Structure formats: C-alpha cells, structure tokens
Protein backbone atom coordinates (compact mmCIF):
# COMPACT_ATOMS: atom_id res chain seq x y z
CA MET A 1 88.33 33.94 33.57
CA THR A 2 86.56 37.21 34.30
CA ASN A 3 86.91 38.35 30.69
CA LEU A 4 85.50 35.05 29.48
CA GLN A 5 82.48 35.40 31.78
CA THR A 6 81.97 38.98 30.62
CA ILE A 7 82.04 37.95 26.97
CA ARG A 8 79.64 35.07 27.61
CA SER A 9 77.27 37.33 29.54
CA ARG A 10 77.36 39.89 26.73
CA GLU A 11 76.60 37.18 24.15
CA GLN A 12 73.66 35.97 26.23
CA ARG A 13 72.24 39.49 26.46
CA THR A 14 72.64 39.93 22.72
CA ALA A 15 70.89 36.61 22.10
CA TRP A 16 67.97 37.62 24.32
CA ILE A 17 67.68 40.97 22.52
CA PHE A 18 67.15 39.12 19.25
CA LEU A 19 64.95 36.40 20.77
CA VAL A 20 62.52 38.55 22.74
CA PRO A 21 60.74 40.09 19.69
CA ALA A 22 60.29 36.64 18.14
CA LEU A 23 59.03 35.20 21.43
CA LEU A 24 56.57 38.07 21.85
CA LEU A 25 55.32 37.55 18.31
CA LEU A 26 54.85 33.82 18.93
CA LEU A 27 53.09 34.56 22.21
CA PHE A 28 50.72 36.94 20.47
CA VAL A 29 50.05 34.75 17.44
CA PHE A 30 49.78 31.38 19.21
CA GLY A 31 49.50 32.05 22.92
CA TYR A 32 46.59 34.50 22.92
CA PRO A 33 44.24 32.34 20.78
CA ILE A 34 44.93 29.32 23.00
CA VAL A 35 44.27 31.24 26.22
CA ARG A 36 41.18 32.82 24.64
CA ALA A 37 39.83 29.40 23.63
CA PHE A 38 40.39 28.04 27.16
CA TRP A 39 38.57 31.04 28.63
CA LEU A 40 35.67 30.92 26.19
CA SER A 41 35.17 27.17 26.68
CA PHE A 42 33.78 27.90 30.17
CA PHE A 43 31.14 30.23 28.77
CA THR A 44 27.98 29.85 26.74
CA GLN A 45 27.95 32.18 23.77
CA ASN A 46 25.75 31.52 20.78
CA LEU A 47 25.06 34.48 18.56
CA ALA A 48 21.69 32.98 17.67
CA THR A 49 20.50 33.29 21.28
CA ASN A 50 22.81 35.57 23.28
CA LEU A 51 25.48 38.00 22.17
CA GLN A 52 27.32 38.23 25.47
CA PRO A 53 29.14 35.21 26.94
CA VAL A 54 27.49 33.71 30.04
CA PHE A 55 29.63 31.72 32.47
CA SER A 56 28.52 28.08 32.46
CA GLY A 57 31.46 26.24 34.03
CA PHE A 58 32.08 22.79 32.59
CA SER A 59 28.70 22.57 30.86
CA ASN A 60 30.32 22.64 27.41
CA TYR A 61 32.56 19.70 28.32
CA VAL A 62 29.61 17.79 29.79
CA ARG A 63 27.74 18.44 26.56
CA MET A 64 30.74 17.18 24.61
CA SER A 65 30.75 13.89 26.52
CA GLY A 66 27.24 13.14 25.24
CA ASP A 67 27.66 14.58 21.74
CA GLY A 68 27.34 11.64 19.36
CA ARG A 69 28.35 13.71 16.35
CA PHE A 70 31.57 14.77 18.05
CA TRP A 71 32.51 11.21 18.97
CA GLN A 72 31.70 10.04 15.45
CA SER A 73 33.92 12.75 13.98
CA PHE A 74 36.61 11.89 16.54
CA GLY A 75 36.48 8.23 15.49
CA THR A 76 36.65 9.23 11.83
CA THR A 77 39.63 11.47 12.57
CA THR A 78 41.37 8.65 14.44
CA VAL A 79 40.87 6.19 11.57
CA PHE A 80 42.02 8.75 9.02
CA THR A 81 45.07 9.73 11.08
CA PHE A 82 46.35 6.23 11.79
CA ALA A 83 45.69 4.98 8.25
CA THR A 84 47.40 7.90 6.53
CA VAL A 85 50.37 8.10 8.90
CA LEU A 86 51.04 4.35 8.68
CA LEU A 87 50.82 4.27 4.88
CA GLU A 88 52.91 7.40 4.51
CA LEU A 89 55.63 6.01 6.76
CA LEU A 90 55.83 2.75 4.83
CA LEU A 91 55.74 4.39 1.40
CA GLY A 92 57.98 7.26 2.49
CA LEU A 93 60.60 4.86 3.81
CA GLY A 94 60.54 2.90 0.56
CA ILE A 95 60.90 6.07 -1.53
CA ALA A 96 63.68 7.35 0.73
CA LEU A 97 65.61 4.09 0.33
CA VAL A 98 65.32 4.38 -3.45
CA LEU A 99 66.33 8.05 -3.53
CA ASN A 100 69.31 7.30 -1.29
CA ARG A 101 70.87 5.08 -3.95
CA GLN A 102 73.22 6.31 -6.64
CA PHE A 103 71.64 6.39 -10.11
CA PHE A 104 71.55 8.64 -13.15
CA GLY A 105 69.17 11.60 -12.79
CA ARG A 106 68.76 11.20 -9.03
CA GLY A 107 68.57 14.97 -8.51
CA VAL A 108 65.73 15.32 -11.02
CA VAL A 109 63.85 12.40 -9.48
CA ARG A 110 64.20 13.94 -6.01
CA THR A 111 62.80 17.22 -7.29
CA ILE A 112 59.83 15.49 -8.94
CA ALA A 113 59.20 13.42 -5.80
CA ILE A 114 58.71 16.54 -3.66
CA LEU A 115 56.27 18.24 -6.07
CA PRO A 116 53.04 16.81 -4.56
CA TRP A 117 53.98 18.25 -1.17
CA ALA A 118 54.68 21.68 -2.72
CA LEU A 119 51.28 21.93 -4.42
CA PRO A 120 48.36 23.62 -2.57
CA THR A 121 46.26 21.11 -0.64
CA ALA A 122 42.96 22.60 -1.84
CA LEU A 123 44.10 22.15 -5.45
CA ILE A 124 45.09 18.55 -4.72
CA GLY A 125 41.70 17.90 -3.14
CA LEU A 126 39.92 19.26 -6.20
CA ALA A 127 42.07 17.13 -8.49
CA TRP A 128 41.37 13.94 -6.53
CA ALA A 129 37.67 14.75 -6.40
CA TRP A 130 37.67 14.73 -10.20
CA ILE A 131 39.83 11.61 -10.33
CA PHE A 132 37.23 9.74 -8.24
CA ASN A 133 34.25 11.29 -10.01
CA ASP A 134 31.66 8.60 -10.76
CA GLN A 135 31.01 9.78 -14.35
CA PHE A 136 34.19 11.42 -15.58
CA GLY A 137 36.81 10.12 -13.15
CA VAL A 138 40.06 8.54 -14.29
CA VAL A 139 39.79 5.70 -11.76
CA ASN A 140 36.47 4.44 -13.11
CA ASP A 141 37.68 4.84 -16.70
CA ILE A 142 40.76 2.70 -16.02
CA LEU A 143 38.75 0.03 -14.19
CA MET A 144 36.20 -0.16 -17.00
CA ARG A 145 38.92 -0.39 -19.66
CA LEU A 146 40.46 -3.28 -17.72
CA GLY A 147 37.06 -4.95 -17.54
CA LEU A 148 37.00 -4.96 -13.75
CA ILE A 149 33.74 -3.00 -13.53
CA LYS A 150 30.82 -2.50 -15.94
CA SER A 151 29.59 0.88 -14.69
CA GLY A 152 31.10 3.77 -12.80
CA ILE A 153 31.48 3.46 -9.03
CA ASN A 154 30.24 6.35 -6.92
CA TRP A 155 33.43 6.62 -4.89
CA LEU A 156 32.58 9.81 -3.03
CA GLY A 157 28.96 8.80 -2.48
CA ASP A 158 29.67 5.63 -0.51
CA PRO A 159 30.82 6.04 3.13
CA THR A 160 33.59 3.42 3.01
CA LEU A 161 34.81 4.30 -0.48
CA ALA A 162 34.78 8.01 0.34
CA MET A 163 37.04 7.40 3.32
CA ILE A 164 39.38 5.33 1.14
CA ALA A 165 39.42 8.12 -1.45
CA VAL A 166 40.39 10.86 1.01
CA ILE A 167 43.06 8.61 2.54
CA ILE A 168 44.55 8.00 -0.91
CA GLY A 169 44.52 11.72 -1.65
CA ASP A 170 46.25 12.59 1.61
CA VAL A 171 48.83 9.80 1.25
CA TRP A 172 49.71 10.97 -2.26
CA LYS A 173 50.01 14.55 -1.06
CA THR A 174 52.15 14.08 2.07
CA THR A 175 54.24 10.95 1.46
CA PRO A 176 57.01 13.08 -0.16
CA PHE A 177 57.32 15.02 3.10
CA ILE A 178 57.99 11.80 5.00
CA SER A 179 60.43 10.58 2.36
CA ILE A 180 62.49 13.77 2.51
CA LEU A 181 62.77 13.60 6.29
CA LEU A 182 63.79 9.95 6.20
CA LEU A 183 66.17 10.57 3.31
CA ALA A 184 68.00 13.13 5.45
CA GLY A 185 68.32 10.50 8.17
CA LEU A 186 69.61 7.88 5.73
CA GLN A 187 72.28 10.23 4.42
CA SER A 188 73.57 10.76 7.95
CA ILE A 189 74.36 7.05 8.32
CA SER A 190 78.00 6.28 7.50
CA PRO A 191 78.53 3.79 4.63
CA ASP A 192 81.38 2.29 6.65
CA LEU A 193 78.83 0.68 8.96
CA TYR A 194 77.29 -1.24 6.08
CA GLU A 195 80.69 -2.26 4.71
CA ALA A 196 81.81 -3.58 8.09
CA HIS A 197 78.50 -5.40 8.49
CA ALA A 198 78.81 -6.96 5.02
CA ILE A 199 82.33 -8.16 5.84
CA ASP A 200 80.85 -9.99 8.83
CA GLY A 201 78.56 -11.84 6.42
CA ALA A 202 75.36 -9.86 6.97
CA THR A 203 72.74 -9.72 4.21
CA ARG A 204 71.06 -6.53 3.00
CA TRP A 205 67.95 -7.31 5.03
CA GLN A 206 70.05 -7.83 8.16
CA SER A 207 71.84 -4.53 7.55
CA PHE A 208 68.51 -2.79 7.11
CA TYR A 209 67.03 -4.32 10.25
CA GLN A 210 70.13 -4.00 12.46
CA ILE A 211 71.64 -0.71 11.22
CA THR A 212 69.22 1.37 9.15
CA LEU A 213 66.08 1.07 11.29
CA PRO A 214 67.72 1.64 14.70
CA LEU A 215 69.61 4.71 13.46
CA LEU A 216 66.53 6.01 11.65
CA ILE A 217 64.20 5.85 14.66
CA PRO A 218 64.67 9.55 15.63
CA GLN A 219 63.71 10.70 12.12
CA ILE A 220 60.78 8.27 12.04
CA LEU A 221 59.46 9.62 15.34
CA ILE A 222 59.86 13.23 14.20
CA ALA A 223 58.06 12.49 10.93
CA THR A 224 55.33 10.64 12.80
CA LEU A 225 54.89 13.56 15.19
CA PHE A 226 54.59 16.09 12.37
CA ARG A 227 52.19 13.97 10.37
CA PHE A 228 50.06 13.04 13.37
CA ALA A 229 49.49 16.71 14.19
CA GLN A 230 48.74 17.57 10.57
CA ALA A 231 46.51 14.56 9.90
CA PHE A 232 44.55 14.99 13.12
CA GLY A 233 43.85 18.60 12.19
CA VAL A 234 43.14 17.95 8.51
CA TYR A 235 40.53 20.23 7.01
CA ASP A 236 41.12 21.54 3.51
CA LEU A 237 41.59 18.22 1.68
CA ILE A 238 38.40 16.64 3.05
CA ALA A 239 36.45 19.89 2.83
CA VAL A 240 37.18 20.08 -0.90
CA MET A 241 36.83 16.39 -1.73
CA THR A 242 33.73 15.38 0.24
CA GLY A 243 32.74 18.24 2.54
CA GLY A 244 32.49 15.66 5.33
CA GLY A 245 29.98 13.52 3.47
CA PRO A 246 28.32 11.35 2.56
CA GLY A 247 26.15 11.48 5.66
CA GLY A 248 29.04 12.63 7.84
CA ALA A 249 31.13 9.54 6.99
CA THR A 250 34.25 11.63 6.37
CA GLU A 251 33.51 14.47 8.79
CA VAL A 252 36.62 14.96 10.91
CA VAL A 253 36.89 17.00 14.11
CA SER A 254 38.14 20.12 12.32
CA LEU A 255 35.11 20.11 10.02
CA TYR A 256 32.78 19.68 12.98
CA ILE A 257 34.48 22.56 14.81
CA TYR A 258 34.15 24.74 11.73
CA SER A 259 30.45 23.94 11.43
CA THR A 260 29.87 24.58 15.14
CA ILE A 261 31.56 27.98 15.12
CA MET A 262 30.97 29.36 11.63
CA ARG A 263 27.63 27.80 10.72
CA TYR A 264 25.85 27.48 14.07
CA LEU A 265 27.70 30.42 15.70
CA ASP A 266 28.14 28.42 18.93
CA PHE A 267 31.44 29.93 20.04
CA GLY A 268 31.48 28.55 23.60
CA TYR A 269 30.98 24.94 22.60
CA GLY A 270 33.28 25.35 19.61
CA ALA A 271 36.00 26.64 21.94
CA ALA A 272 35.57 23.54 24.13
CA LEU A 273 36.03 21.35 21.05
CA VAL A 274 39.19 23.27 20.15
CA VAL A 275 40.57 22.88 23.68
CA CYS A 276 39.90 19.13 23.67
CA THR A 277 41.66 18.73 20.30
CA PHE A 278 44.57 20.88 21.48
CA LEU A 279 45.06 18.82 24.64
CA LEU A 280 45.06 15.60 22.63
CA LEU A 281 47.77 16.97 20.33
CA VAL A 282 49.82 18.15 23.33
CA ALA A 283 49.59 14.68 24.86
CA ALA A 284 50.77 13.17 21.56
CA VAL A 285 53.71 15.60 21.42
CA ILE A 286 54.74 14.73 24.98
CA ILE A 287 54.61 10.99 24.29
CA ALA A 288 56.54 11.37 21.02
CA SER A 289 59.15 13.59 22.69
CA PHE A 290 59.63 10.99 25.41
CA LEU A 291 60.03 8.22 22.84
CA LEU A 292 62.42 10.36 20.80
CA LYS A 293 64.60 11.09 23.84
CA LYS A 294 64.59 7.42 24.79
CA SER A 295 65.52 6.34 21.26
CA ARG A 296 68.46 8.74 21.19
CA VAL A 297 69.72 7.42 24.50
CA ASN A 298 69.45 3.82 23.27
CA THR A 299 71.12 4.69 19.97
CA PHE A 300 74.12 6.42 21.46
C-alpha cells in the first residue's frame, strides 16, 4: 500500500511539473489582460484628453447604462447570435445525420463539408460581400435570371437585408463546425439501440426523437456553448462585409469596442465594455455547464 501511494504521489508531482508551465502561460496570456481590463474599467483614460489614467469609480459603467449606441449594438449582437446559432444547429444536425449514413464517397463528402470552416473568416467575408454586391453579385444575377426581380437589390445598403446577409455568411461558414461535433456524437450511439427500438415497432422519427436527441444533448450543448461565445464576439466577418453599416444596423459589440478603443482612444470606457461582454459570456458558460451536467445525469 505504501509503494502504491509513493508511485501515485510521484506521478502527481510529475504531472504538476508538466502542467505548471502551461498554466503559467495561460495565466499570462489570458489572465493578465482580463485583470488589466477590470482594473482599467474603473479609470478614465482617453488619449485625446489625458494620457494618465484617472480613477473614476463606476462612472464608466454608469455611462454604459445610458449609452444608446452600446445598447443598440448589444441588441444587434443578440439578434445575430441567436439567429446564427439556431440556424447552424438545425442545419448542422441535418448535415450530421446525412454524413452519418453509409454511402459511396462518404469520406470525400465529409472532407468537402468541413472546408468552409477551414477557410479564413476574412476571406469568407470578402467573398460574401461580392456575392451580395448590388451590381455584380451572384445573388442578384440569379434572381434576375429567374425573373424574380427587375433590378439589383442593394443587399448591404439596407439595414434588414444587410443583417440577413451577414447571418447567411456566418451560417455558411460555421455550420460545418456544428455538424462535425454532432457527427462525433452520432457515431458514439450504438446501432443496437436502433435495432432494438425497431423490433418494438418504432418508426424512424420515434427513434430519432426517443434515442438520437436525448443521447445527443451533451454534444448539442457543447456546440451551442462554443458557437454562442464565437457569435457573440464576432468581428472579422461583419467588419469585412459591412463594417457595421449601414447606419450602424450591423454594428455588433465587438465593432463598437474596437471603435471606442482604437478610433476614439477611450481606453477606460472600452475596458468597461470588454468587462461587461466578458461577464455575459461567463454567465452563459456557467448556465451551459449546468445544463450539460444535468443532461448527463438524466442520460445515464
């Protein structure tokens, strides 16, 4: 028993020796910027007026509560996040169900399906900006050839259509990520469950509703968590496609933070915006983790 404890203690020390450098690196890369943002959010520092930070307490957060532009960008971010995540989950689940079936060339199809996710987001944004171009875009050309419209639609110049365009671009880009996660979950489900269910007279829809969905809930929650964090912090796709326009209709929180810090040099208020966004994401992670733990308990 003593030898076993000695070996276990030695393995734990060895594990900590390898873990400590990685933990220190993570603390430096992620921890310091977060602590710095929290600290700076209680100060007023605008390079246009004062170079040194001046302690101002919660004045930045009070300013945020009455900042109409922030709340507009927050609402835009919320709409964009929920729309993209919902569509990506539905489409990703459908693609995963197709890729989980046996058919000729399945490996090639799986490789092609992941390509949009592998491409740089800025490049995708530029491509979709040209696709929705009012004069040379493919979308308008197809609609005119079908006789649905007589002249080109200014997709990126209309507030509603611009939001639809960036949602389509993001869904096309990130749906493969969802499908791969859900495909991994589908492949972990034993075929014997479906065979036993079919013997009992269950239809395919009943098998999907009673077996596939319950066992796939952990993967769905993980995919939702990843995509919520990414969609809520989206920047590059919208920056390339619309730049937050027209008239701020597609300006998300990340674009507003970028403008506040890099264009207006208001570091104190920008830090408060970062802290608020960070806390919202942490709250979402906590809720998703709770739901994930609960789903695993109910499943097993």
